[in-house]
Amino acid sequence: MADDVLNLPPHIEDTVQAIAAVHANHYKQATPLQRLVRQVTAAAGRPGFVVFLTVIILGWIFANLVIMWTGREAWDPPPFSGLAGIASLVALYTTILILTTQRHDDELACHREMLTLEIAILNEQKSAKIIQILEQMRQNSSHLSNRADNQAEVMADSADPHLILNALKDAHKINEG
């Protein structure tokens, strides 16, 4: 698989490296607390964590039952309200950890969306310029008939991102209400 990456054309390899750099920079800029939260969330998301929790819960229940069977007072007798409280607390912290990790990941997604939009706008401007050049070549060529091409003229104008954004907002308002 690593050999396939080495055989990519240079412009594709540059793109892959640029995207990897964006991701690496995003995670490198994370605070130590964000890194810790990410590690804890990653550990909690593994199947081994489910096994670990199951062993802890069963051990808790078993230990309390064994203590009761020996005639002593268990620290958390059935219905195991202490275990339920701890499980609720773990669930609360797990939810907060997941939300914190997701928020950090959403920041990266926002950066990618902005980059994608910037590239799309740049590509649209480049396409408009190419159409302008082709139209000029067609008009100046003695081999081609010089006829008006209204569609090419319209496409040669670069789109205004602000007008497009406003049109999208208006279309959303129409569709929502």
Protein backbone atom coordinates (compact mmCIF):
# COMPACT_ATOMS: atom_id res chain seq x y z
CA MET A 1 0.00 0.00 0.00
CA ALA A 2 2.84 2.42 0.80
CA ASP A 3 4.28 1.77 -2.67
CA ASP A 4 1.03 3.03 -4.24
CA VAL A 5 1.48 6.40 -2.53
CA LEU A 6 4.99 6.71 -3.94
CA ASN A 7 3.66 6.21 -7.49
CA LEU A 8 1.26 9.14 -7.36
CA PRO A 9 1.79 12.00 -9.78
CA PRO A 10 3.66 14.88 -8.14
CA HIS A 11 0.69 17.27 -8.07
CA ILE A 12 -1.47 14.61 -6.36
CA GLU A 13 1.29 13.80 -3.87
CA ASP A 14 1.62 17.54 -3.10
CA THR A 15 -2.13 17.71 -2.46
CA VAL A 16 -2.03 14.66 -0.19
CA GLN A 17 0.87 16.15 1.75
CA ALA A 18 -0.91 19.52 2.06
CA ILE A 19 -4.04 17.89 3.45
CA ALA A 20 -1.96 15.80 5.85
CA ALA A 21 -0.19 18.98 6.97
CA VAL A 22 -3.54 20.70 7.67
CA HIS A 23 -4.59 17.76 9.84
CA ALA A 24 -1.22 17.51 11.59
CA ASN A 25 -1.17 21.24 12.29
CA HIS A 26 -4.71 21.10 13.68
CA TYR A 27 -3.83 18.33 16.12
CA LYS A 28 -0.47 19.91 16.96
CA GLN A 29 -2.24 23.14 17.96
CA ALA A 30 -4.51 21.27 20.36
CA THR A 31 -4.05 22.13 24.00
CA PRO A 32 -2.67 19.44 26.33
CA LEU A 33 -6.16 19.06 27.81
CA GLN A 34 -7.67 18.57 24.31
CA ARG A 35 -5.03 15.91 23.58
CA LEU A 36 -5.82 14.14 26.87
CA VAL A 37 -9.56 14.25 26.15
CA ARG A 38 -8.93 12.85 22.65
CA GLN A 39 -6.85 9.98 24.10
CA VAL A 40 -9.44 9.14 26.74
CA THR A 41 -12.26 9.28 24.16
CA ALA A 42 -10.25 7.11 21.77
CA ALA A 43 -9.64 4.57 24.53
CA ALA A 44 -13.33 4.57 25.52
CA GLY A 45 -14.28 3.96 21.90
CA ARG A 46 -12.41 0.67 21.66
CA PRO A 47 -14.07 -2.72 22.20
CA GLY A 48 -11.64 -3.44 25.03
CA PHE A 49 -13.21 -0.63 27.02
CA VAL A 50 -16.58 -2.39 26.92
CA VAL A 51 -14.90 -5.55 28.21
CA PHE A 52 -13.13 -3.52 30.90
CA LEU A 53 -16.40 -1.92 32.06
CA THR A 54 -18.17 -5.28 32.03
CA VAL A 55 -15.44 -6.83 34.18
CA ILE A 56 -15.57 -3.90 36.63
CA ILE A 57 -19.38 -4.04 36.90
CA LEU A 58 -19.49 -7.81 37.30
CA GLY A 59 -16.63 -7.64 39.81
CA TRP A 60 -18.50 -4.97 41.80
CA ILE A 61 -21.69 -7.05 41.88
CA PHE A 62 -19.87 -10.31 42.62
CA ALA A 63 -17.81 -8.76 45.44
CA ASN A 64 -20.92 -7.32 47.08
CA LEU A 65 -22.80 -10.62 46.81
CA VAL A 66 -19.86 -12.62 48.22
CA ILE A 67 -19.60 -10.22 51.15
CA MET A 68 -23.34 -10.61 51.80
CA TRP A 69 -23.12 -14.44 51.57
CA THR A 70 -20.40 -14.42 54.21
CA GLY A 71 -22.80 -12.66 56.57
CA ARG A 72 -21.16 -9.25 56.53
CA GLU A 73 -22.69 -5.98 55.39
CA ALA A 74 -21.90 -5.16 51.73
CA TRP A 75 -20.79 -1.63 50.87
CA ASP A 76 -23.35 -1.52 48.01
CA PRO A 77 -26.08 -4.15 48.51
CA PRO A 78 -28.65 -4.92 45.79
CA PRO A 79 -30.09 -3.07 43.89
CA PHE A 80 -26.56 -1.62 43.78
CA SER A 81 -27.48 2.07 43.95
CA GLY A 82 -23.81 3.03 44.37
CA LEU A 83 -22.96 1.22 41.13
CA ALA A 84 -25.87 2.97 39.40
CA GLY A 85 -24.61 6.35 40.61
CA ILE A 86 -21.08 5.64 39.44
CA ALA A 87 -22.40 4.40 36.08
CA SER A 88 -24.41 7.62 35.69
CA LEU A 89 -21.34 9.69 36.51
CA VAL A 90 -19.22 7.73 34.02
CA ALA A 91 -21.95 8.21 31.39
CA LEU A 92 -22.02 11.96 32.05
CA TYR A 93 -18.24 12.28 31.75
CA THR A 94 -18.18 10.08 28.66
CA THR A 95 -20.78 12.31 27.02
CA ILE A 96 -18.82 15.44 27.88
CA LEU A 97 -15.59 13.89 26.58
CA ILE A 98 -17.26 12.91 23.31
CA LEU A 99 -18.78 16.37 22.88
CA THR A 100 -15.44 18.03 23.60
CA THR A 101 -13.66 15.81 21.08
CA GLN A 102 -16.41 16.40 18.52
CA ARG A 103 -16.15 20.16 18.97
CA HIS A 104 -12.43 20.02 18.26
CA ASP A 105 -13.06 17.82 15.21
CA ASP A 106 -15.74 20.26 14.03
CA GLU A 107 -13.12 23.01 13.98
CA LEU A 108 -11.05 20.90 11.57
CA ALA A 109 -14.14 20.22 9.43
CA CYS A 110 -14.81 23.96 9.29
CA HIS A 111 -11.23 24.59 8.10
CA ARG A 112 -11.65 21.91 5.42
CA GLU A 113 -14.95 23.44 4.29
CA MET A 114 -13.37 26.88 3.99
CA LEU A 115 -10.44 25.41 2.06
CA THR A 116 -12.81 23.56 -0.27
CA LEU A 117 -14.81 26.72 -0.87
CA GLU A 118 -11.68 28.76 -1.56
CA ILE A 119 -10.45 26.14 -4.03
CA ALA A 120 -13.87 25.99 -5.73
CA ILE A 121 -13.92 29.78 -6.14
CA LEU A 122 -10.36 29.78 -7.44
CA ASN A 123 -11.20 26.99 -9.91
CA GLU A 124 -14.27 28.90 -11.09
CA GLN A 125 -12.13 31.99 -11.69
CA LYS A 126 -9.56 29.92 -13.57
CA SER A 127 -12.29 28.34 -15.72
CA ALA A 128 -13.72 31.76 -16.53
CA LYS A 129 -10.25 32.95 -17.56
CA ILE A 130 -9.73 29.88 -19.77
CA ILE A 131 -13.08 30.52 -21.47
CA GLN A 132 -12.09 34.17 -22.01
CA ILE A 133 -8.82 33.11 -23.63
CA LEU A 134 -10.51 30.50 -25.81
CA GLU A 135 -13.09 33.07 -26.93
CA GLN A 136 -10.33 35.53 -27.81
CA MET A 137 -8.51 32.82 -29.75
CA ARG A 138 -11.72 31.89 -31.58
CA GLN A 139 -12.44 35.52 -32.45
CA ASN A 140 -8.89 36.11 -33.67
CA SER A 141 -8.53 32.86 -35.61
CA SER A 142 -8.88 33.11 -39.38
CA HIS A 143 -9.79 29.41 -39.54
CA LEU A 144 -12.90 29.71 -37.36
CA SER A 145 -16.04 31.64 -38.08
CA ASN A 146 -16.43 34.58 -35.74
CA ARG A 147 -19.94 34.01 -34.46
CA ALA A 148 -21.37 35.22 -31.18
CA ASP A 149 -21.54 32.61 -28.44
CA ASN A 150 -23.75 34.06 -25.70
CA GLN A 151 -23.24 31.07 -23.39
CA ALA A 152 -19.43 31.38 -23.62
CA GLU A 153 -19.65 35.11 -22.96
CA VAL A 154 -21.71 34.50 -19.80
CA MET A 155 -19.38 31.72 -18.65
CA ALA A 156 -16.33 33.95 -19.23
CA ASP A 157 -17.51 36.22 -16.42
CA SER A 158 -16.30 35.08 -13.02
CA ALA A 159 -19.08 34.44 -10.51
CA ASP A 160 -19.39 36.72 -7.49
CA PRO A 161 -19.26 34.54 -4.34
CA HIS A 162 -21.30 37.09 -2.38
CA LEU A 163 -24.12 37.05 -4.94
CA ILE A 164 -24.10 33.25 -4.91
CA LEU A 165 -24.23 33.17 -1.10
CA ASN A 166 -27.16 35.59 -1.06
CA ALA A 167 -28.97 33.54 -3.73
CA LEU A 168 -28.44 30.38 -1.64
CA LYS A 169 -29.77 32.11 1.46
CA ASP A 170 -32.83 33.32 -0.47
CA ALA A 171 -33.44 29.84 -1.87
CA HIS A 172 -33.27 28.37 1.65
CA LYS A 173 -35.80 30.94 2.88
CA ILE A 174 -38.16 30.04 0.05
CA ASN A 175 -37.80 26.28 0.67
CA GLU A 176 -38.22 26.63 4.45
CA GLY A 177 -41.24 28.87 4.48
